[in-house]
Amino acid sequence: QVQLVESGGGLVQAGGSLRLSCVASGSTFSSYAVGWFRQAPGKEREVVAAISGSGGRTAYARSVKGRFTISRDTAKNTVSLEMNSLRAEDTAVYYCVADSRGIGRISAYPSYGNWGQGTQVTVSS
């Protein structure tokens, strides 16, 4: 098991950028696929982006493709989410999750996983 801590959220104007970080504890983090989810007020949690343990595979929600980039730094046990061209509809609490069974499991995470505190992203229009 790994423990994850999200950070980097904040208030930004529409069109701006933010970089979220997900720092993990545990020496086997490189074997975990990682995903970023978000939950806006009154809406269900949705997956935004995911990356495989090796970093060789990534996946994005259609709503963020071309604007968000997920990456990982194995040496720092960190997965980042670079968010550009932010929109008001990107406002949400963002969470990172990890699964040792691979990137294909990330979308199903809400049915079985636990959640951290998340980090709030607010985009003003």
N, C-alpha and C. Protein backbone atom coordinates (compact mmCIF):
# COMPACT_ATOMS: atom_id res chain seq x y z
N GLN A 1 0.83 -1.19 0.00
CA GLN A 1 0.00 0.00 0.00
C GLN A 1 0.87 1.24 0.00
N VAL A 2 0.41 2.27 -0.67
CA VAL A 2 1.08 3.55 -0.64
C VAL A 2 0.15 4.58 -0.04
N GLN A 3 0.75 5.57 0.58
CA GLN A 3 0.00 6.71 1.10
C GLN A 3 0.26 7.89 0.18
N LEU A 4 -0.78 8.61 -0.17
CA LEU A 4 -0.66 9.69 -1.14
C LEU A 4 -1.07 11.02 -0.51
N VAL A 5 -0.38 12.07 -0.87
CA VAL A 5 -0.72 13.42 -0.41
C VAL A 5 -0.75 14.34 -1.61
N GLU A 6 -1.91 14.99 -1.80
CA GLU A 6 -2.07 15.91 -2.91
C GLU A 6 -1.76 17.35 -2.47
N SER A 7 -1.27 18.13 -3.41
CA SER A 7 -1.02 19.55 -3.14
C SER A 7 -0.99 20.31 -4.45
N GLY A 8 -0.97 21.63 -4.33
CA GLY A 8 -0.80 22.47 -5.51
C GLY A 8 -2.05 23.19 -5.97
N GLY A 9 -3.18 22.90 -5.34
CA GLY A 9 -4.39 23.59 -5.73
C GLY A 9 -4.37 25.06 -5.35
N GLY A 10 -5.38 25.77 -5.81
CA GLY A 10 -5.47 27.18 -5.50
C GLY A 10 -6.52 27.87 -6.33
N LEU A 11 -6.48 29.19 -6.27
CA LEU A 11 -7.41 30.02 -7.03
C LEU A 11 -6.68 30.60 -8.23
N VAL A 12 -7.27 30.44 -9.39
CA VAL A 12 -6.64 30.93 -10.62
C VAL A 12 -7.72 31.48 -11.55
N GLN A 13 -7.35 32.43 -12.36
CA GLN A 13 -8.31 32.96 -13.34
C GLN A 13 -8.44 32.03 -14.52
N ALA A 14 -9.57 32.10 -15.17
CA ALA A 14 -9.79 31.31 -16.37
C ALA A 14 -8.67 31.60 -17.38
N GLY A 15 -8.18 30.54 -17.98
CA GLY A 15 -7.08 30.66 -18.92
C GLY A 15 -5.72 30.46 -18.27
N GLY A 16 -5.69 30.42 -16.96
CA GLY A 16 -4.45 30.26 -16.24
C GLY A 16 -4.03 28.81 -16.10
N SER A 17 -2.98 28.60 -15.32
CA SER A 17 -2.41 27.27 -15.15
C SER A 17 -2.15 26.95 -13.68
N LEU A 18 -2.18 25.68 -13.38
CA LEU A 18 -1.79 25.18 -12.07
C LEU A 18 -1.10 23.84 -12.27
N ARG A 19 -0.26 23.50 -11.30
CA ARG A 19 0.41 22.20 -11.32
C ARG A 19 0.13 21.51 -10.00
N LEU A 20 -0.56 20.39 -10.07
CA LEU A 20 -0.85 19.59 -8.89
C LEU A 20 0.22 18.52 -8.71
N SER A 21 0.49 18.21 -7.46
CA SER A 21 1.46 17.16 -7.16
C SER A 21 0.83 16.11 -6.26
N CYS A 22 1.23 14.89 -6.47
CA CYS A 22 0.79 13.75 -5.67
C CYS A 22 2.07 13.05 -5.22
N VAL A 23 2.37 13.16 -3.94
CA VAL A 23 3.59 12.57 -3.41
C VAL A 23 3.23 11.30 -2.65
N ALA A 24 3.97 10.25 -2.93
CA ALA A 24 3.68 8.95 -2.34
C ALA A 24 4.77 8.52 -1.37
N SER A 25 4.36 7.80 -0.36
CA SER A 25 5.31 7.14 0.52
C SER A 25 5.29 5.67 0.18
N GLY A 26 6.44 5.03 0.22
CA GLY A 26 6.48 3.62 -0.12
C GLY A 26 7.45 3.37 -1.26
N SER A 27 8.29 2.40 -1.09
CA SER A 27 9.37 2.17 -2.05
C SER A 27 8.92 1.52 -3.34
N THR A 28 7.70 1.01 -3.38
CA THR A 28 7.23 0.32 -4.58
C THR A 28 6.30 1.17 -5.42
N PHE A 29 6.34 2.47 -5.23
CA PHE A 29 5.40 3.37 -5.92
C PHE A 29 5.52 3.24 -7.43
N SER A 30 6.69 2.93 -7.92
CA SER A 30 6.87 2.83 -9.37
C SER A 30 6.08 1.68 -9.99
N SER A 31 5.58 0.78 -9.17
CA SER A 31 4.78 -0.32 -9.69
C SER A 31 3.29 0.00 -9.69
N TYR A 32 2.93 1.19 -9.25
CA TYR A 32 1.53 1.58 -9.17
C TYR A 32 1.15 2.50 -10.33
N ALA A 33 0.03 2.20 -10.94
CA ALA A 33 -0.59 3.19 -11.81
C ALA A 33 -1.22 4.27 -10.93
N VAL A 34 -1.27 5.47 -11.43
CA VAL A 34 -1.80 6.60 -10.65
C VAL A 34 -2.83 7.35 -11.48
N GLY A 35 -3.87 7.76 -10.82
CA GLY A 35 -4.88 8.55 -11.50
C GLY A 35 -5.25 9.79 -10.72
N TRP A 36 -5.69 10.78 -11.44
CA TRP A 36 -6.26 11.98 -10.83
C TRP A 36 -7.77 11.99 -11.07
N PHE A 37 -8.52 12.19 -10.01
CA PHE A 37 -9.97 12.35 -10.08
C PHE A 37 -10.30 13.76 -9.64
N ARG A 38 -11.52 14.17 -9.94
CA ARG A 38 -12.00 15.44 -9.40
C ARG A 38 -13.49 15.32 -9.09
N GLN A 39 -13.90 16.14 -8.14
CA GLN A 39 -15.32 16.19 -7.79
C GLN A 39 -15.73 17.62 -7.60
N ALA A 40 -16.65 18.05 -8.43
CA ALA A 40 -17.21 19.39 -8.34
C ALA A 40 -18.45 19.34 -7.46
N PRO A 41 -18.82 20.45 -6.87
CA PRO A 41 -20.02 20.48 -6.01
C PRO A 41 -21.25 19.96 -6.74
N GLY A 42 -21.94 19.03 -6.11
CA GLY A 42 -23.16 18.50 -6.67
C GLY A 42 -22.98 17.51 -7.81
N LYS A 43 -21.71 17.16 -8.10
CA LYS A 43 -21.44 16.23 -9.20
C LYS A 43 -20.71 14.99 -8.70
N GLU A 44 -20.76 13.96 -9.49
CA GLU A 44 -20.05 12.73 -9.14
C GLU A 44 -18.55 12.89 -9.39
N ARG A 45 -17.78 12.08 -8.69
CA ARG A 45 -16.36 12.08 -8.90
C ARG A 45 -16.05 11.50 -10.28
N GLU A 46 -15.13 12.12 -10.99
CA GLU A 46 -14.79 11.66 -12.32
C GLU A 46 -13.28 11.57 -12.48
N VAL A 47 -12.86 10.60 -13.27
CA VAL A 47 -11.43 10.47 -13.53
C VAL A 47 -11.02 11.50 -14.57
N VAL A 48 -9.88 12.11 -14.33
CA VAL A 48 -9.38 13.17 -15.19
C VAL A 48 -8.21 12.68 -16.04
N ALA A 49 -7.29 11.98 -15.40
CA ALA A 49 -6.10 11.50 -16.11
C ALA A 49 -5.51 10.33 -15.34
N ALA A 50 -4.76 9.51 -16.04
CA ALA A 50 -4.11 8.37 -15.41
C ALA A 50 -2.79 8.09 -16.10
N ILE A 51 -1.88 7.46 -15.36
CA ILE A 51 -0.58 7.12 -15.91
C ILE A 51 -0.17 5.76 -15.39
N SER A 52 0.48 4.98 -16.22
CA SER A 52 0.91 3.65 -15.83
C SER A 52 2.12 3.73 -14.88
N GLY A 53 2.44 2.61 -14.30
CA GLY A 53 3.56 2.57 -13.37
C GLY A 53 4.88 2.97 -14.02
N SER A 54 5.05 2.56 -15.25
CA SER A 54 6.28 2.90 -15.97
C SER A 54 6.27 4.32 -16.52
N GLY A 55 5.09 4.90 -16.58
CA GLY A 55 4.95 6.22 -17.19
C GLY A 55 4.77 6.17 -18.68
N GLY A 56 4.78 4.97 -19.24
CA GLY A 56 4.71 4.83 -20.68
C GLY A 56 3.31 4.96 -21.27
N ARG A 57 2.31 4.82 -20.45
CA ARG A 57 0.93 4.95 -20.91
C ARG A 57 0.22 6.02 -20.11
N THR A 58 -0.53 6.84 -20.82
CA THR A 58 -1.35 7.85 -20.17
C THR A 58 -2.74 7.83 -20.78
N ALA A 59 -3.69 8.35 -20.04
CA ALA A 59 -5.06 8.45 -20.53
C ALA A 59 -5.69 9.70 -19.94
N TYR A 60 -6.58 10.31 -20.71
CA TYR A 60 -7.20 11.56 -20.29
C TYR A 60 -8.69 11.54 -20.56
N ALA A 61 -9.42 12.23 -19.72
CA ALA A 61 -10.83 12.47 -19.99
C ALA A 61 -10.92 13.41 -21.19
N ARG A 62 -11.97 13.25 -21.95
CA ARG A 62 -12.13 14.06 -23.15
C ARG A 62 -12.17 15.55 -22.81
N SER A 63 -12.71 15.87 -21.67
CA SER A 63 -12.88 17.27 -21.29
C SER A 63 -11.56 17.99 -21.00
N VAL A 64 -10.49 17.23 -20.74
CA VAL A 64 -9.22 17.86 -20.40
C VAL A 64 -8.12 17.55 -21.40
N LYS A 65 -8.39 16.70 -22.35
CA LYS A 65 -7.35 16.30 -23.30
C LYS A 65 -6.84 17.51 -24.06
N GLY A 66 -5.55 17.62 -24.14
CA GLY A 66 -4.94 18.76 -24.81
C GLY A 66 -4.67 19.93 -23.89
N ARG A 67 -5.26 19.91 -22.70
CA ARG A 67 -5.04 20.99 -21.73
C ARG A 67 -4.27 20.51 -20.50
N PHE A 68 -4.50 19.26 -20.11
CA PHE A 68 -3.86 18.71 -18.91
C PHE A 68 -2.80 17.68 -19.34
N THR A 69 -1.74 17.61 -18.55
CA THR A 69 -0.69 16.62 -18.79
C THR A 69 -0.32 15.95 -17.48
N ILE A 70 -0.37 14.63 -17.48
CA ILE A 70 0.04 13.87 -16.30
C ILE A 70 1.43 13.31 -16.54
N SER A 71 2.25 13.34 -15.49
CA SER A 71 3.61 12.83 -15.60
C SER A 71 4.05 12.30 -14.25
N ARG A 72 5.13 11.53 -14.26
CA ARG A 72 5.62 11.03 -12.98
C ARG A 72 7.14 11.11 -12.92
N ASP A 73 7.61 11.31 -11.71
CA ASP A 73 9.04 11.34 -11.43
C ASP A 73 9.30 10.24 -10.41
N THR A 74 9.81 9.14 -10.89
CA THR A 74 10.00 7.97 -10.03
C THR A 74 10.97 8.27 -8.89
N ALA A 75 12.00 9.00 -9.18
CA ALA A 75 13.01 9.30 -8.17
C ALA A 75 12.43 10.10 -7.00
N LYS A 76 11.42 10.90 -7.31
CA LYS A 76 10.81 11.73 -6.28
C LYS A 76 9.49 11.17 -5.78
N ASN A 77 9.11 9.97 -6.26
CA ASN A 77 7.83 9.37 -5.87
C ASN A 77 6.68 10.35 -6.05
N THR A 78 6.68 11.01 -7.18
CA THR A 78 5.69 12.07 -7.41
C THR A 78 5.02 11.90 -8.76
N VAL A 79 3.73 12.13 -8.77
CA VAL A 79 2.98 12.23 -10.02
C VAL A 79 2.39 13.63 -10.08
N SER A 80 2.57 14.30 -11.19
CA SER A 80 2.11 15.67 -11.34
C SER A 80 0.99 15.75 -12.37
N LEU A 81 0.17 16.77 -12.20
CA LEU A 81 -0.87 17.07 -13.18
C LEU A 81 -0.73 18.53 -13.55
N GLU A 82 -0.23 18.77 -14.74
CA GLU A 82 -0.07 20.13 -15.24
C GLU A 82 -1.38 20.52 -15.92
N MET A 83 -1.99 21.59 -15.44
CA MET A 83 -3.29 22.01 -15.95
C MET A 83 -3.17 23.39 -16.59
N ASN A 84 -3.43 23.46 -17.87
CA ASN A 84 -3.36 24.71 -18.61
C ASN A 84 -4.72 25.08 -19.17
N SER A 85 -4.84 26.33 -19.58
CA SER A 85 -6.10 26.83 -20.18
C SER A 85 -7.29 26.46 -19.30
N LEU A 86 -7.15 26.73 -18.03
CA LEU A 86 -8.19 26.33 -17.08
C LEU A 86 -9.50 27.07 -17.33
N ARG A 87 -10.57 26.35 -17.05
CA ARG A 87 -11.92 26.87 -17.25
C ARG A 87 -12.68 26.82 -15.94
N ALA A 88 -13.74 27.58 -15.87
CA ALA A 88 -14.55 27.57 -14.65
C ALA A 88 -15.05 26.17 -14.33
N GLU A 89 -15.34 25.40 -15.34
CA GLU A 89 -15.84 24.03 -15.11
C GLU A 89 -14.77 23.06 -14.61
N ASP A 90 -13.53 23.50 -14.54
CA ASP A 90 -12.48 22.68 -13.94
C ASP A 90 -12.46 22.82 -12.42
N THR A 91 -13.25 23.74 -11.91
CA THR A 91 -13.32 23.93 -10.46
C THR A 91 -13.80 22.66 -9.77
N ALA A 92 -13.02 22.17 -8.83
CA ALA A 92 -13.34 20.92 -8.16
C ALA A 92 -12.28 20.64 -7.09
N VAL A 93 -12.54 19.64 -6.29
CA VAL A 93 -11.50 19.07 -5.44
C VAL A 93 -10.85 17.94 -6.24
N TYR A 94 -9.54 17.96 -6.31
CA TYR A 94 -8.79 16.98 -7.09
C TYR A 94 -8.12 15.99 -6.15
N TYR A 95 -8.22 14.72 -6.50
CA TYR A 95 -7.67 13.63 -5.70
C TYR A 95 -6.76 12.77 -6.56
N CYS A 96 -5.70 12.26 -5.96
CA CYS A 96 -4.91 11.26 -6.68
C CYS A 96 -5.11 9.90 -6.00
N VAL A 97 -5.04 8.87 -6.81
CA VAL A 97 -5.23 7.50 -6.34
C VAL A 97 -4.19 6.63 -7.01
N ALA A 98 -3.97 5.47 -6.43
CA ALA A 98 -2.98 4.55 -6.99
C ALA A 98 -3.50 3.12 -6.93
N ASP A 99 -3.12 2.35 -7.92
CA ASP A 99 -3.54 0.95 -7.96
C ASP A 99 -2.40 0.12 -8.55
N SER A 100 -2.03 -0.91 -7.82
CA SER A 100 -0.92 -1.76 -8.29
C SER A 100 -1.33 -2.67 -9.43
N ARG A 101 -2.61 -2.76 -9.72
CA ARG A 101 -3.08 -3.67 -10.77
C ARG A 101 -3.07 -3.04 -12.16
N GLY A 102 -2.66 -1.79 -12.24
CA GLY A 102 -2.47 -1.22 -13.56
C GLY A 102 -3.43 -0.10 -13.91
N ILE A 103 -3.09 0.59 -14.98
CA ILE A 103 -3.85 1.77 -15.40
C ILE A 103 -5.29 1.42 -15.75
N GLY A 104 -5.51 0.21 -16.19
CA GLY A 104 -6.87 -0.19 -16.56
C GLY A 104 -7.84 -0.24 -15.40
N ARG A 105 -7.32 -0.27 -14.18
CA ARG A 105 -8.17 -0.35 -12.99
C ARG A 105 -8.55 1.02 -12.45
N ILE A 106 -7.88 2.04 -12.89
CA ILE A 106 -8.05 3.36 -12.29
C ILE A 106 -9.49 3.86 -12.40
N SER A 107 -10.12 3.69 -13.53
CA SER A 107 -11.47 4.22 -13.71
C SER A 107 -12.47 3.57 -12.76
N ALA A 108 -12.17 2.35 -12.32
CA ALA A 108 -13.07 1.65 -11.40
C ALA A 108 -12.78 1.97 -9.94
N TYR A 109 -11.76 2.76 -9.68
CA TYR A 109 -11.31 3.01 -8.31
C TYR A 109 -12.43 3.47 -7.38
N PRO A 110 -13.35 4.34 -7.81
CA PRO A 110 -14.40 4.81 -6.88
C PRO A 110 -15.23 3.68 -6.28
N SER A 111 -15.26 2.54 -6.89
CA SER A 111 -16.08 1.45 -6.38
C SER A 111 -15.41 0.68 -5.25
N TYR A 112 -14.11 0.91 -5.04
CA TYR A 112 -13.43 0.11 -4.03
C TYR A 112 -12.37 0.85 -3.24
N GLY A 113 -12.00 2.05 -3.67
CA GLY A 113 -10.84 2.68 -3.07
C GLY A 113 -11.17 3.70 -1.98
N ASN A 114 -10.11 4.08 -1.28
CA ASN A 114 -10.21 5.14 -0.28
C ASN A 114 -9.69 6.44 -0.87
N TRP A 115 -10.07 7.54 -0.23
CA TRP A 115 -9.71 8.85 -0.76
C TRP A 115 -8.94 9.64 0.27
N GLY A 116 -8.03 10.45 -0.21
CA GLY A 116 -7.31 11.37 0.65
C GLY A 116 -8.08 12.66 0.80
N GLN A 117 -7.36 13.69 1.28
CA GLN A 117 -8.00 14.99 1.51
C GLN A 117 -8.29 15.72 0.21
N GLY A 118 -7.49 15.48 -0.79
CA GLY A 118 -7.65 16.20 -2.04
C GLY A 118 -7.10 17.61 -1.95
N THR A 119 -7.11 18.28 -3.09
CA THR A 119 -6.67 19.67 -3.14
C THR A 119 -7.66 20.47 -3.97
N GLN A 120 -8.06 21.62 -3.46
CA GLN A 120 -9.10 22.41 -4.09
C GLN A 120 -8.53 23.25 -5.22
N VAL A 121 -9.18 23.17 -6.37
CA VAL A 121 -8.86 24.02 -7.50
C VAL A 121 -10.08 24.88 -7.80
N THR A 122 -9.90 26.17 -7.81
CA THR A 122 -10.99 27.09 -8.10
C THR A 122 -10.58 28.00 -9.25
N VAL A 123 -11.38 27.97 -10.30
CA VAL A 123 -11.09 28.78 -11.48
C VAL A 123 -12.17 29.85 -11.59
N SER A 124 -11.74 31.08 -11.53
CA SER A 124 -12.69 32.19 -11.61
C SER A 124 -12.85 32.64 -13.06
N SER A 125 -14.07 32.91 -13.42
CA SER A 125 -14.35 33.31 -14.82
C SER A 125 -14.41 34.82 -14.95
